[in-house]
Amino acid sequence: MIWLRSLLFNVVFFTSTGVMALVSIPLLALPRGATRWMMRGYAWMIRAEMAVVLGLRVRVLGAQNIPPGPVIIASKHQSAFDTIFWFSQLPATCYVMKRELLKIPVWGWHARRAQMIAVDREAGAPALRGMVREAQQRVAEGRQLVIYPEGTRSAPGERLPYHPGVAALASATRLPVVPVATNSGLFWGRRSFVKRPGVLTISVLPPLPVGLSRAALMAQLEAVIESESERLLS
């Protein structure tokens, strides 16, 4: 049954994504707000497909911990769903993402149009400085920044090194950093055909104090995210 529901979901997911991509192309000629609303609608569409086809619903804990206005969301990353979810949760989402994603037809065009922050991970310090400059611009526009400190997806229970980009953003913008844990990989695994029913949980933790040193911020961020991730997986 799980295999059949996964097959149906994958057919529905890729079909609806393809249709949305084609229908959305004319939006590229409209103001950027049109692209952002399209992405928000797409995220809610995928959440509905998950619930109806898979029996997989999304539970958000601690949403009240996200302050209004610009903020830095620093999240555990286990699933492709994590890159969709925040469009449905925040009013003006701006993802920090790897530059290669801009090469994806249509999606990459919209990501560029919506002014996501694309980072060349091989470029070292210049890329970090460019990310900070773009982030400051997006913050001035009232956007919420979403960054994955590990830089890539991890398997449930796996701990990867946390990269200091989030600390650079926090230092430059003076924004609160909100840690986020998830168990999304239990249901929508990395490169996994099978998707499982259940309750996918996004746990939003209290913001870290503003003004922490880089070392203190990174240590506290990793500690609270990993501790909560272990709790969700248990």
Protein backbone atom coordinates (compact mmCIF):
# COMPACT_ATOMS: atom_id res chain seq x y z
CA MET A 1 0.00 0.00 0.00
CA ILE A 2 2.78 2.44 0.90
CA TRP A 3 4.51 1.71 -2.41
CA LEU A 4 1.31 2.31 -4.39
CA ARG A 5 0.54 5.54 -2.53
CA SER A 6 4.13 6.66 -3.10
CA LEU A 7 3.81 5.93 -6.80
CA LEU A 8 0.58 7.91 -7.00
CA PHE A 9 2.05 10.80 -5.03
CA ASN A 10 5.15 10.97 -7.21
CA VAL A 11 2.98 11.02 -10.34
CA VAL A 12 0.76 13.76 -8.87
CA PHE A 13 3.72 15.72 -7.50
CA PHE A 14 5.76 15.79 -10.71
CA THR A 15 2.69 16.36 -12.90
CA SER A 16 1.39 19.25 -10.83
CA THR A 17 4.90 20.70 -10.56
CA GLY A 18 5.30 20.54 -14.34
CA VAL A 19 1.90 22.12 -14.97
CA MET A 20 2.62 24.84 -12.41
CA ALA A 21 5.96 25.53 -14.07
CA LEU A 22 4.38 25.99 -17.50
CA VAL A 23 1.47 28.07 -16.26
CA SER A 24 3.76 30.29 -14.20
CA ILE A 25 6.10 31.33 -17.03
CA PRO A 26 4.03 34.45 -17.89
CA LEU A 27 4.41 35.58 -14.27
CA LEU A 28 8.08 36.27 -14.97
CA ALA A 29 6.95 39.38 -16.84
CA LEU A 30 4.99 40.66 -13.84
CA PRO A 31 6.27 42.32 -10.63
CA ARG A 32 8.26 40.08 -8.29
CA GLY A 33 5.32 39.83 -5.91
CA ALA A 34 3.52 37.62 -8.43
CA THR A 35 6.33 35.05 -8.34
CA ARG A 36 6.32 35.05 -4.53
CA TRP A 37 2.59 34.44 -4.39
CA MET A 38 2.93 31.65 -6.95
CA MET A 39 5.56 29.95 -4.79
CA ARG A 40 3.34 30.30 -1.74
CA GLY A 41 0.41 28.72 -3.60
CA TYR A 42 2.67 25.94 -4.86
CA ALA A 43 3.79 25.10 -1.32
CA TRP A 44 0.21 24.84 -0.07
CA MET A 45 -0.70 22.69 -3.10
CA ILE A 46 2.10 20.22 -2.26
CA ARG A 47 1.03 20.10 1.39
CA ALA A 48 -2.53 19.27 0.26
CA GLU A 49 -1.26 16.52 -2.06
CA MET A 50 0.78 15.04 0.79
CA ALA A 51 -2.25 14.97 3.08
CA VAL A 52 -4.72 13.57 0.54
CA VAL A 53 -2.54 11.11 -1.37
CA LEU A 54 -0.03 10.00 1.27
CA GLY A 55 -1.88 10.58 4.51
CA LEU A 56 1.10 12.73 5.54
CA ARG A 57 0.19 15.88 7.40
CA VAL A 58 2.42 18.67 8.65
CA ARG A 59 2.53 19.73 12.29
CA VAL A 60 4.26 22.97 13.25
CA LEU A 61 5.35 23.35 16.86
CA GLY A 62 6.43 26.68 18.30
CA ALA A 63 5.34 28.90 15.40
CA GLN A 64 4.91 31.69 17.95
CA ASN A 65 8.71 31.71 18.35
CA ILE A 66 9.08 33.40 14.94
CA PRO A 67 9.12 37.17 15.57
CA PRO A 68 7.35 39.44 13.09
CA GLY A 69 9.38 41.08 10.37
CA PRO A 70 12.84 40.10 9.13
CA VAL A 71 14.43 37.13 10.87
CA ILE A 72 16.97 34.36 10.20
CA ILE A 73 15.52 30.84 10.18
CA ALA A 74 18.34 28.31 10.69
CA SER A 75 16.91 24.88 9.99
CA LYS A 76 17.85 21.22 9.99
CA HIS A 77 17.58 19.91 6.43
CA GLN A 78 16.49 16.29 5.83
CA SER A 79 14.11 16.44 2.91
CA ALA A 80 13.19 18.20 -0.32
CA PHE A 81 10.01 19.20 1.51
CA ASP A 82 12.07 21.51 3.75
CA THR A 83 12.79 23.71 0.72
CA ILE A 84 9.07 23.98 -0.03
CA PHE A 85 7.65 24.36 3.46
CA TRP A 86 8.77 27.87 4.34
CA PHE A 87 6.97 29.42 1.38
CA SER A 88 3.74 28.35 3.11
CA GLN A 89 4.82 29.53 6.57
CA LEU A 90 6.47 32.93 6.10
CA PRO A 91 5.08 36.01 4.34
CA ALA A 92 8.27 36.96 2.44
CA THR A 93 10.59 33.95 2.31
CA CYS A 94 14.13 34.32 1.00
CA TYR A 95 16.14 31.10 0.82
CA VAL A 96 19.93 30.99 0.93
CA MET A 97 20.65 28.27 -1.61
CA LYS A 98 23.42 26.81 -3.74
CA ARG A 99 23.96 28.58 -7.05
CA GLU A 100 23.58 25.39 -9.12
CA LEU A 101 19.82 25.45 -8.44
CA LEU A 102 19.46 28.53 -10.64
CA LYS A 103 20.21 26.28 -13.61
CA ILE A 104 16.95 24.34 -13.15
CA PRO A 105 14.61 25.38 -16.01
CA VAL A 106 11.69 27.60 -14.94
CA TRP A 107 12.24 27.02 -11.20
CA GLY A 108 15.65 28.67 -11.39
CA TRP A 109 14.18 31.55 -13.35
CA HIS A 110 11.58 32.13 -10.65
CA ALA A 111 14.17 31.80 -7.88
CA ARG A 112 16.24 34.50 -9.54
CA ARG A 113 13.16 36.64 -10.11
CA ALA A 114 12.12 36.26 -6.46
CA GLN A 115 15.64 37.36 -5.43
CA MET A 116 16.68 34.25 -3.57
CA ILE A 117 20.29 34.36 -2.37
CA ALA A 118 22.37 31.99 -4.50
CA VAL A 119 25.81 31.09 -3.16
CA ASP A 120 28.75 29.59 -5.06
CA ARG A 121 30.01 27.18 -2.42
CA GLU A 122 33.36 26.79 -4.17
CA ALA A 123 34.16 30.51 -4.16
CA GLY A 124 35.17 30.79 -0.50
CA ALA A 125 35.35 34.18 1.24
CA PRO A 126 34.14 36.27 -1.76
CA ALA A 127 30.97 34.15 -1.89
CA LEU A 128 30.41 34.69 1.84
CA ARG A 129 30.79 38.46 1.45
CA GLY A 130 28.40 38.45 -1.50
CA MET A 131 25.85 36.44 0.49
CA VAL A 132 26.03 38.95 3.33
CA ARG A 133 25.57 41.93 0.98
CA GLU A 134 22.53 40.34 -0.66
CA ALA A 135 21.09 39.38 2.72
CA GLN A 136 21.31 42.95 3.94
CA GLN A 137 19.41 44.08 0.87
CA ARG A 138 16.70 41.45 1.36
CA VAL A 139 16.39 42.36 5.05
CA ALA A 140 15.93 46.02 4.10
CA GLU A 141 12.97 44.84 2.00
CA GLY A 142 11.44 43.08 5.02
CA ARG A 143 12.27 39.51 3.92
CA GLN A 144 12.74 36.47 6.18
CA LEU A 145 15.99 34.59 5.51
CA VAL A 146 16.02 30.78 5.54
CA ILE A 147 19.39 29.03 5.73
CA TYR A 148 20.44 25.42 6.31
CA PRO A 149 23.59 25.54 8.49
CA GLU A 150 24.72 22.07 7.39
CA GLY A 151 24.58 23.17 3.76
CA THR A 152 22.94 19.99 2.50
CA ARG A 153 20.40 17.34 3.43
CA SER A 154 21.27 14.89 6.17
CA ALA A 155 19.71 11.52 6.96
CA PRO A 156 17.59 11.25 10.12
CA GLY A 157 19.95 11.01 13.06
CA GLU A 158 22.98 12.10 11.01
CA ARG A 159 25.02 15.10 12.17
CA LEU A 160 26.97 17.09 9.60
CA PRO A 161 29.33 20.02 10.29
CA TYR A 162 27.58 23.35 10.80
CA HIS A 163 28.96 26.08 8.53
CA PRO A 164 29.52 29.65 9.81
CA GLY A 165 27.45 31.41 7.13
CA VAL A 166 24.54 31.77 9.54
CA ALA A 167 26.82 33.50 12.06
CA ALA A 168 28.01 35.90 9.36
CA LEU A 169 24.38 36.75 8.54
CA ALA A 170 23.52 37.26 12.19
CA SER A 171 26.52 39.54 12.72
CA ALA A 172 25.84 41.65 9.63
CA THR A 173 22.06 41.99 10.04
CA ARG A 174 21.73 41.96 13.85
CA LEU A 175 18.63 39.81 13.41
CA PRO A 176 17.50 37.06 15.79
CA VAL A 177 18.40 33.52 14.71
CA VAL A 178 15.54 31.05 15.11
CA PRO A 179 16.67 27.39 15.28
CA VAL A 180 14.41 24.79 13.65
CA ALA A 181 14.44 21.00 13.93
CA THR A 182 12.47 18.49 11.88
CA ASN A 183 11.86 14.79 11.33
CA SER A 184 10.95 15.24 7.65
CA GLY A 185 13.51 12.65 6.55
CA LEU A 186 11.49 9.89 8.20
CA PHE A 187 8.67 10.45 5.71
CA TRP A 188 10.26 12.02 2.62
CA GLY A 189 13.83 10.74 2.52
CA ARG A 190 16.67 12.01 0.41
CA ARG A 191 16.40 10.52 -3.09
CA SER A 192 13.76 8.12 -1.78
CA PHE A 193 10.94 6.99 -4.02
CA VAL A 194 8.88 5.83 -1.04
CA LYS A 195 7.03 8.50 0.96
CA ARG A 196 5.44 7.45 4.24
CA PRO A 197 2.21 8.51 5.98
CA GLY A 198 2.28 10.07 9.42
CA VAL A 199 2.90 13.42 11.05
CA LEU A 200 5.85 15.36 9.71
CA THR A 201 6.92 17.77 12.44
CA ILE A 202 8.59 21.15 12.12
CA SER A 203 9.73 22.35 15.55
CA VAL A 204 10.50 26.06 15.82
CA LEU A 205 12.64 26.81 18.85
CA PRO A 206 13.04 30.12 20.73
CA PRO A 207 15.35 32.68 19.07
CA LEU A 208 18.96 32.75 20.21
CA PRO A 209 20.10 35.95 21.96
CA VAL A 210 21.18 38.68 19.56
CA GLY A 211 24.82 39.71 19.84
CA LEU A 212 26.40 36.33 20.61
CA SER A 213 29.95 35.78 19.44
CA ARG A 214 30.35 33.63 16.35
CA ALA A 215 31.62 30.68 18.37
CA ALA A 216 28.86 30.95 20.98
CA LEU A 217 26.11 31.29 18.37
CA MET A 218 27.29 28.28 16.39
CA ALA A 219 27.68 26.14 19.51
CA GLN A 220 24.23 27.01 20.86
CA LEU A 221 22.60 26.66 17.45
CA GLU A 222 23.95 23.17 16.87
CA ALA A 223 23.20 22.07 20.42
CA VAL A 224 19.54 23.08 20.43
CA ILE A 225 18.79 21.86 16.88
CA GLU A 226 20.44 18.48 17.37
CA SER A 227 18.86 17.97 20.78
CA GLU A 228 15.39 18.71 19.45
CA SER A 229 16.01 16.59 16.35
CA GLU A 230 16.90 13.62 18.54
CA ARG A 231 13.70 14.16 20.53
CA LEU A 232 11.59 14.24 17.36
CA LEU A 233 13.22 11.09 16.01
CA SER A 234 12.68 9.19 19.23
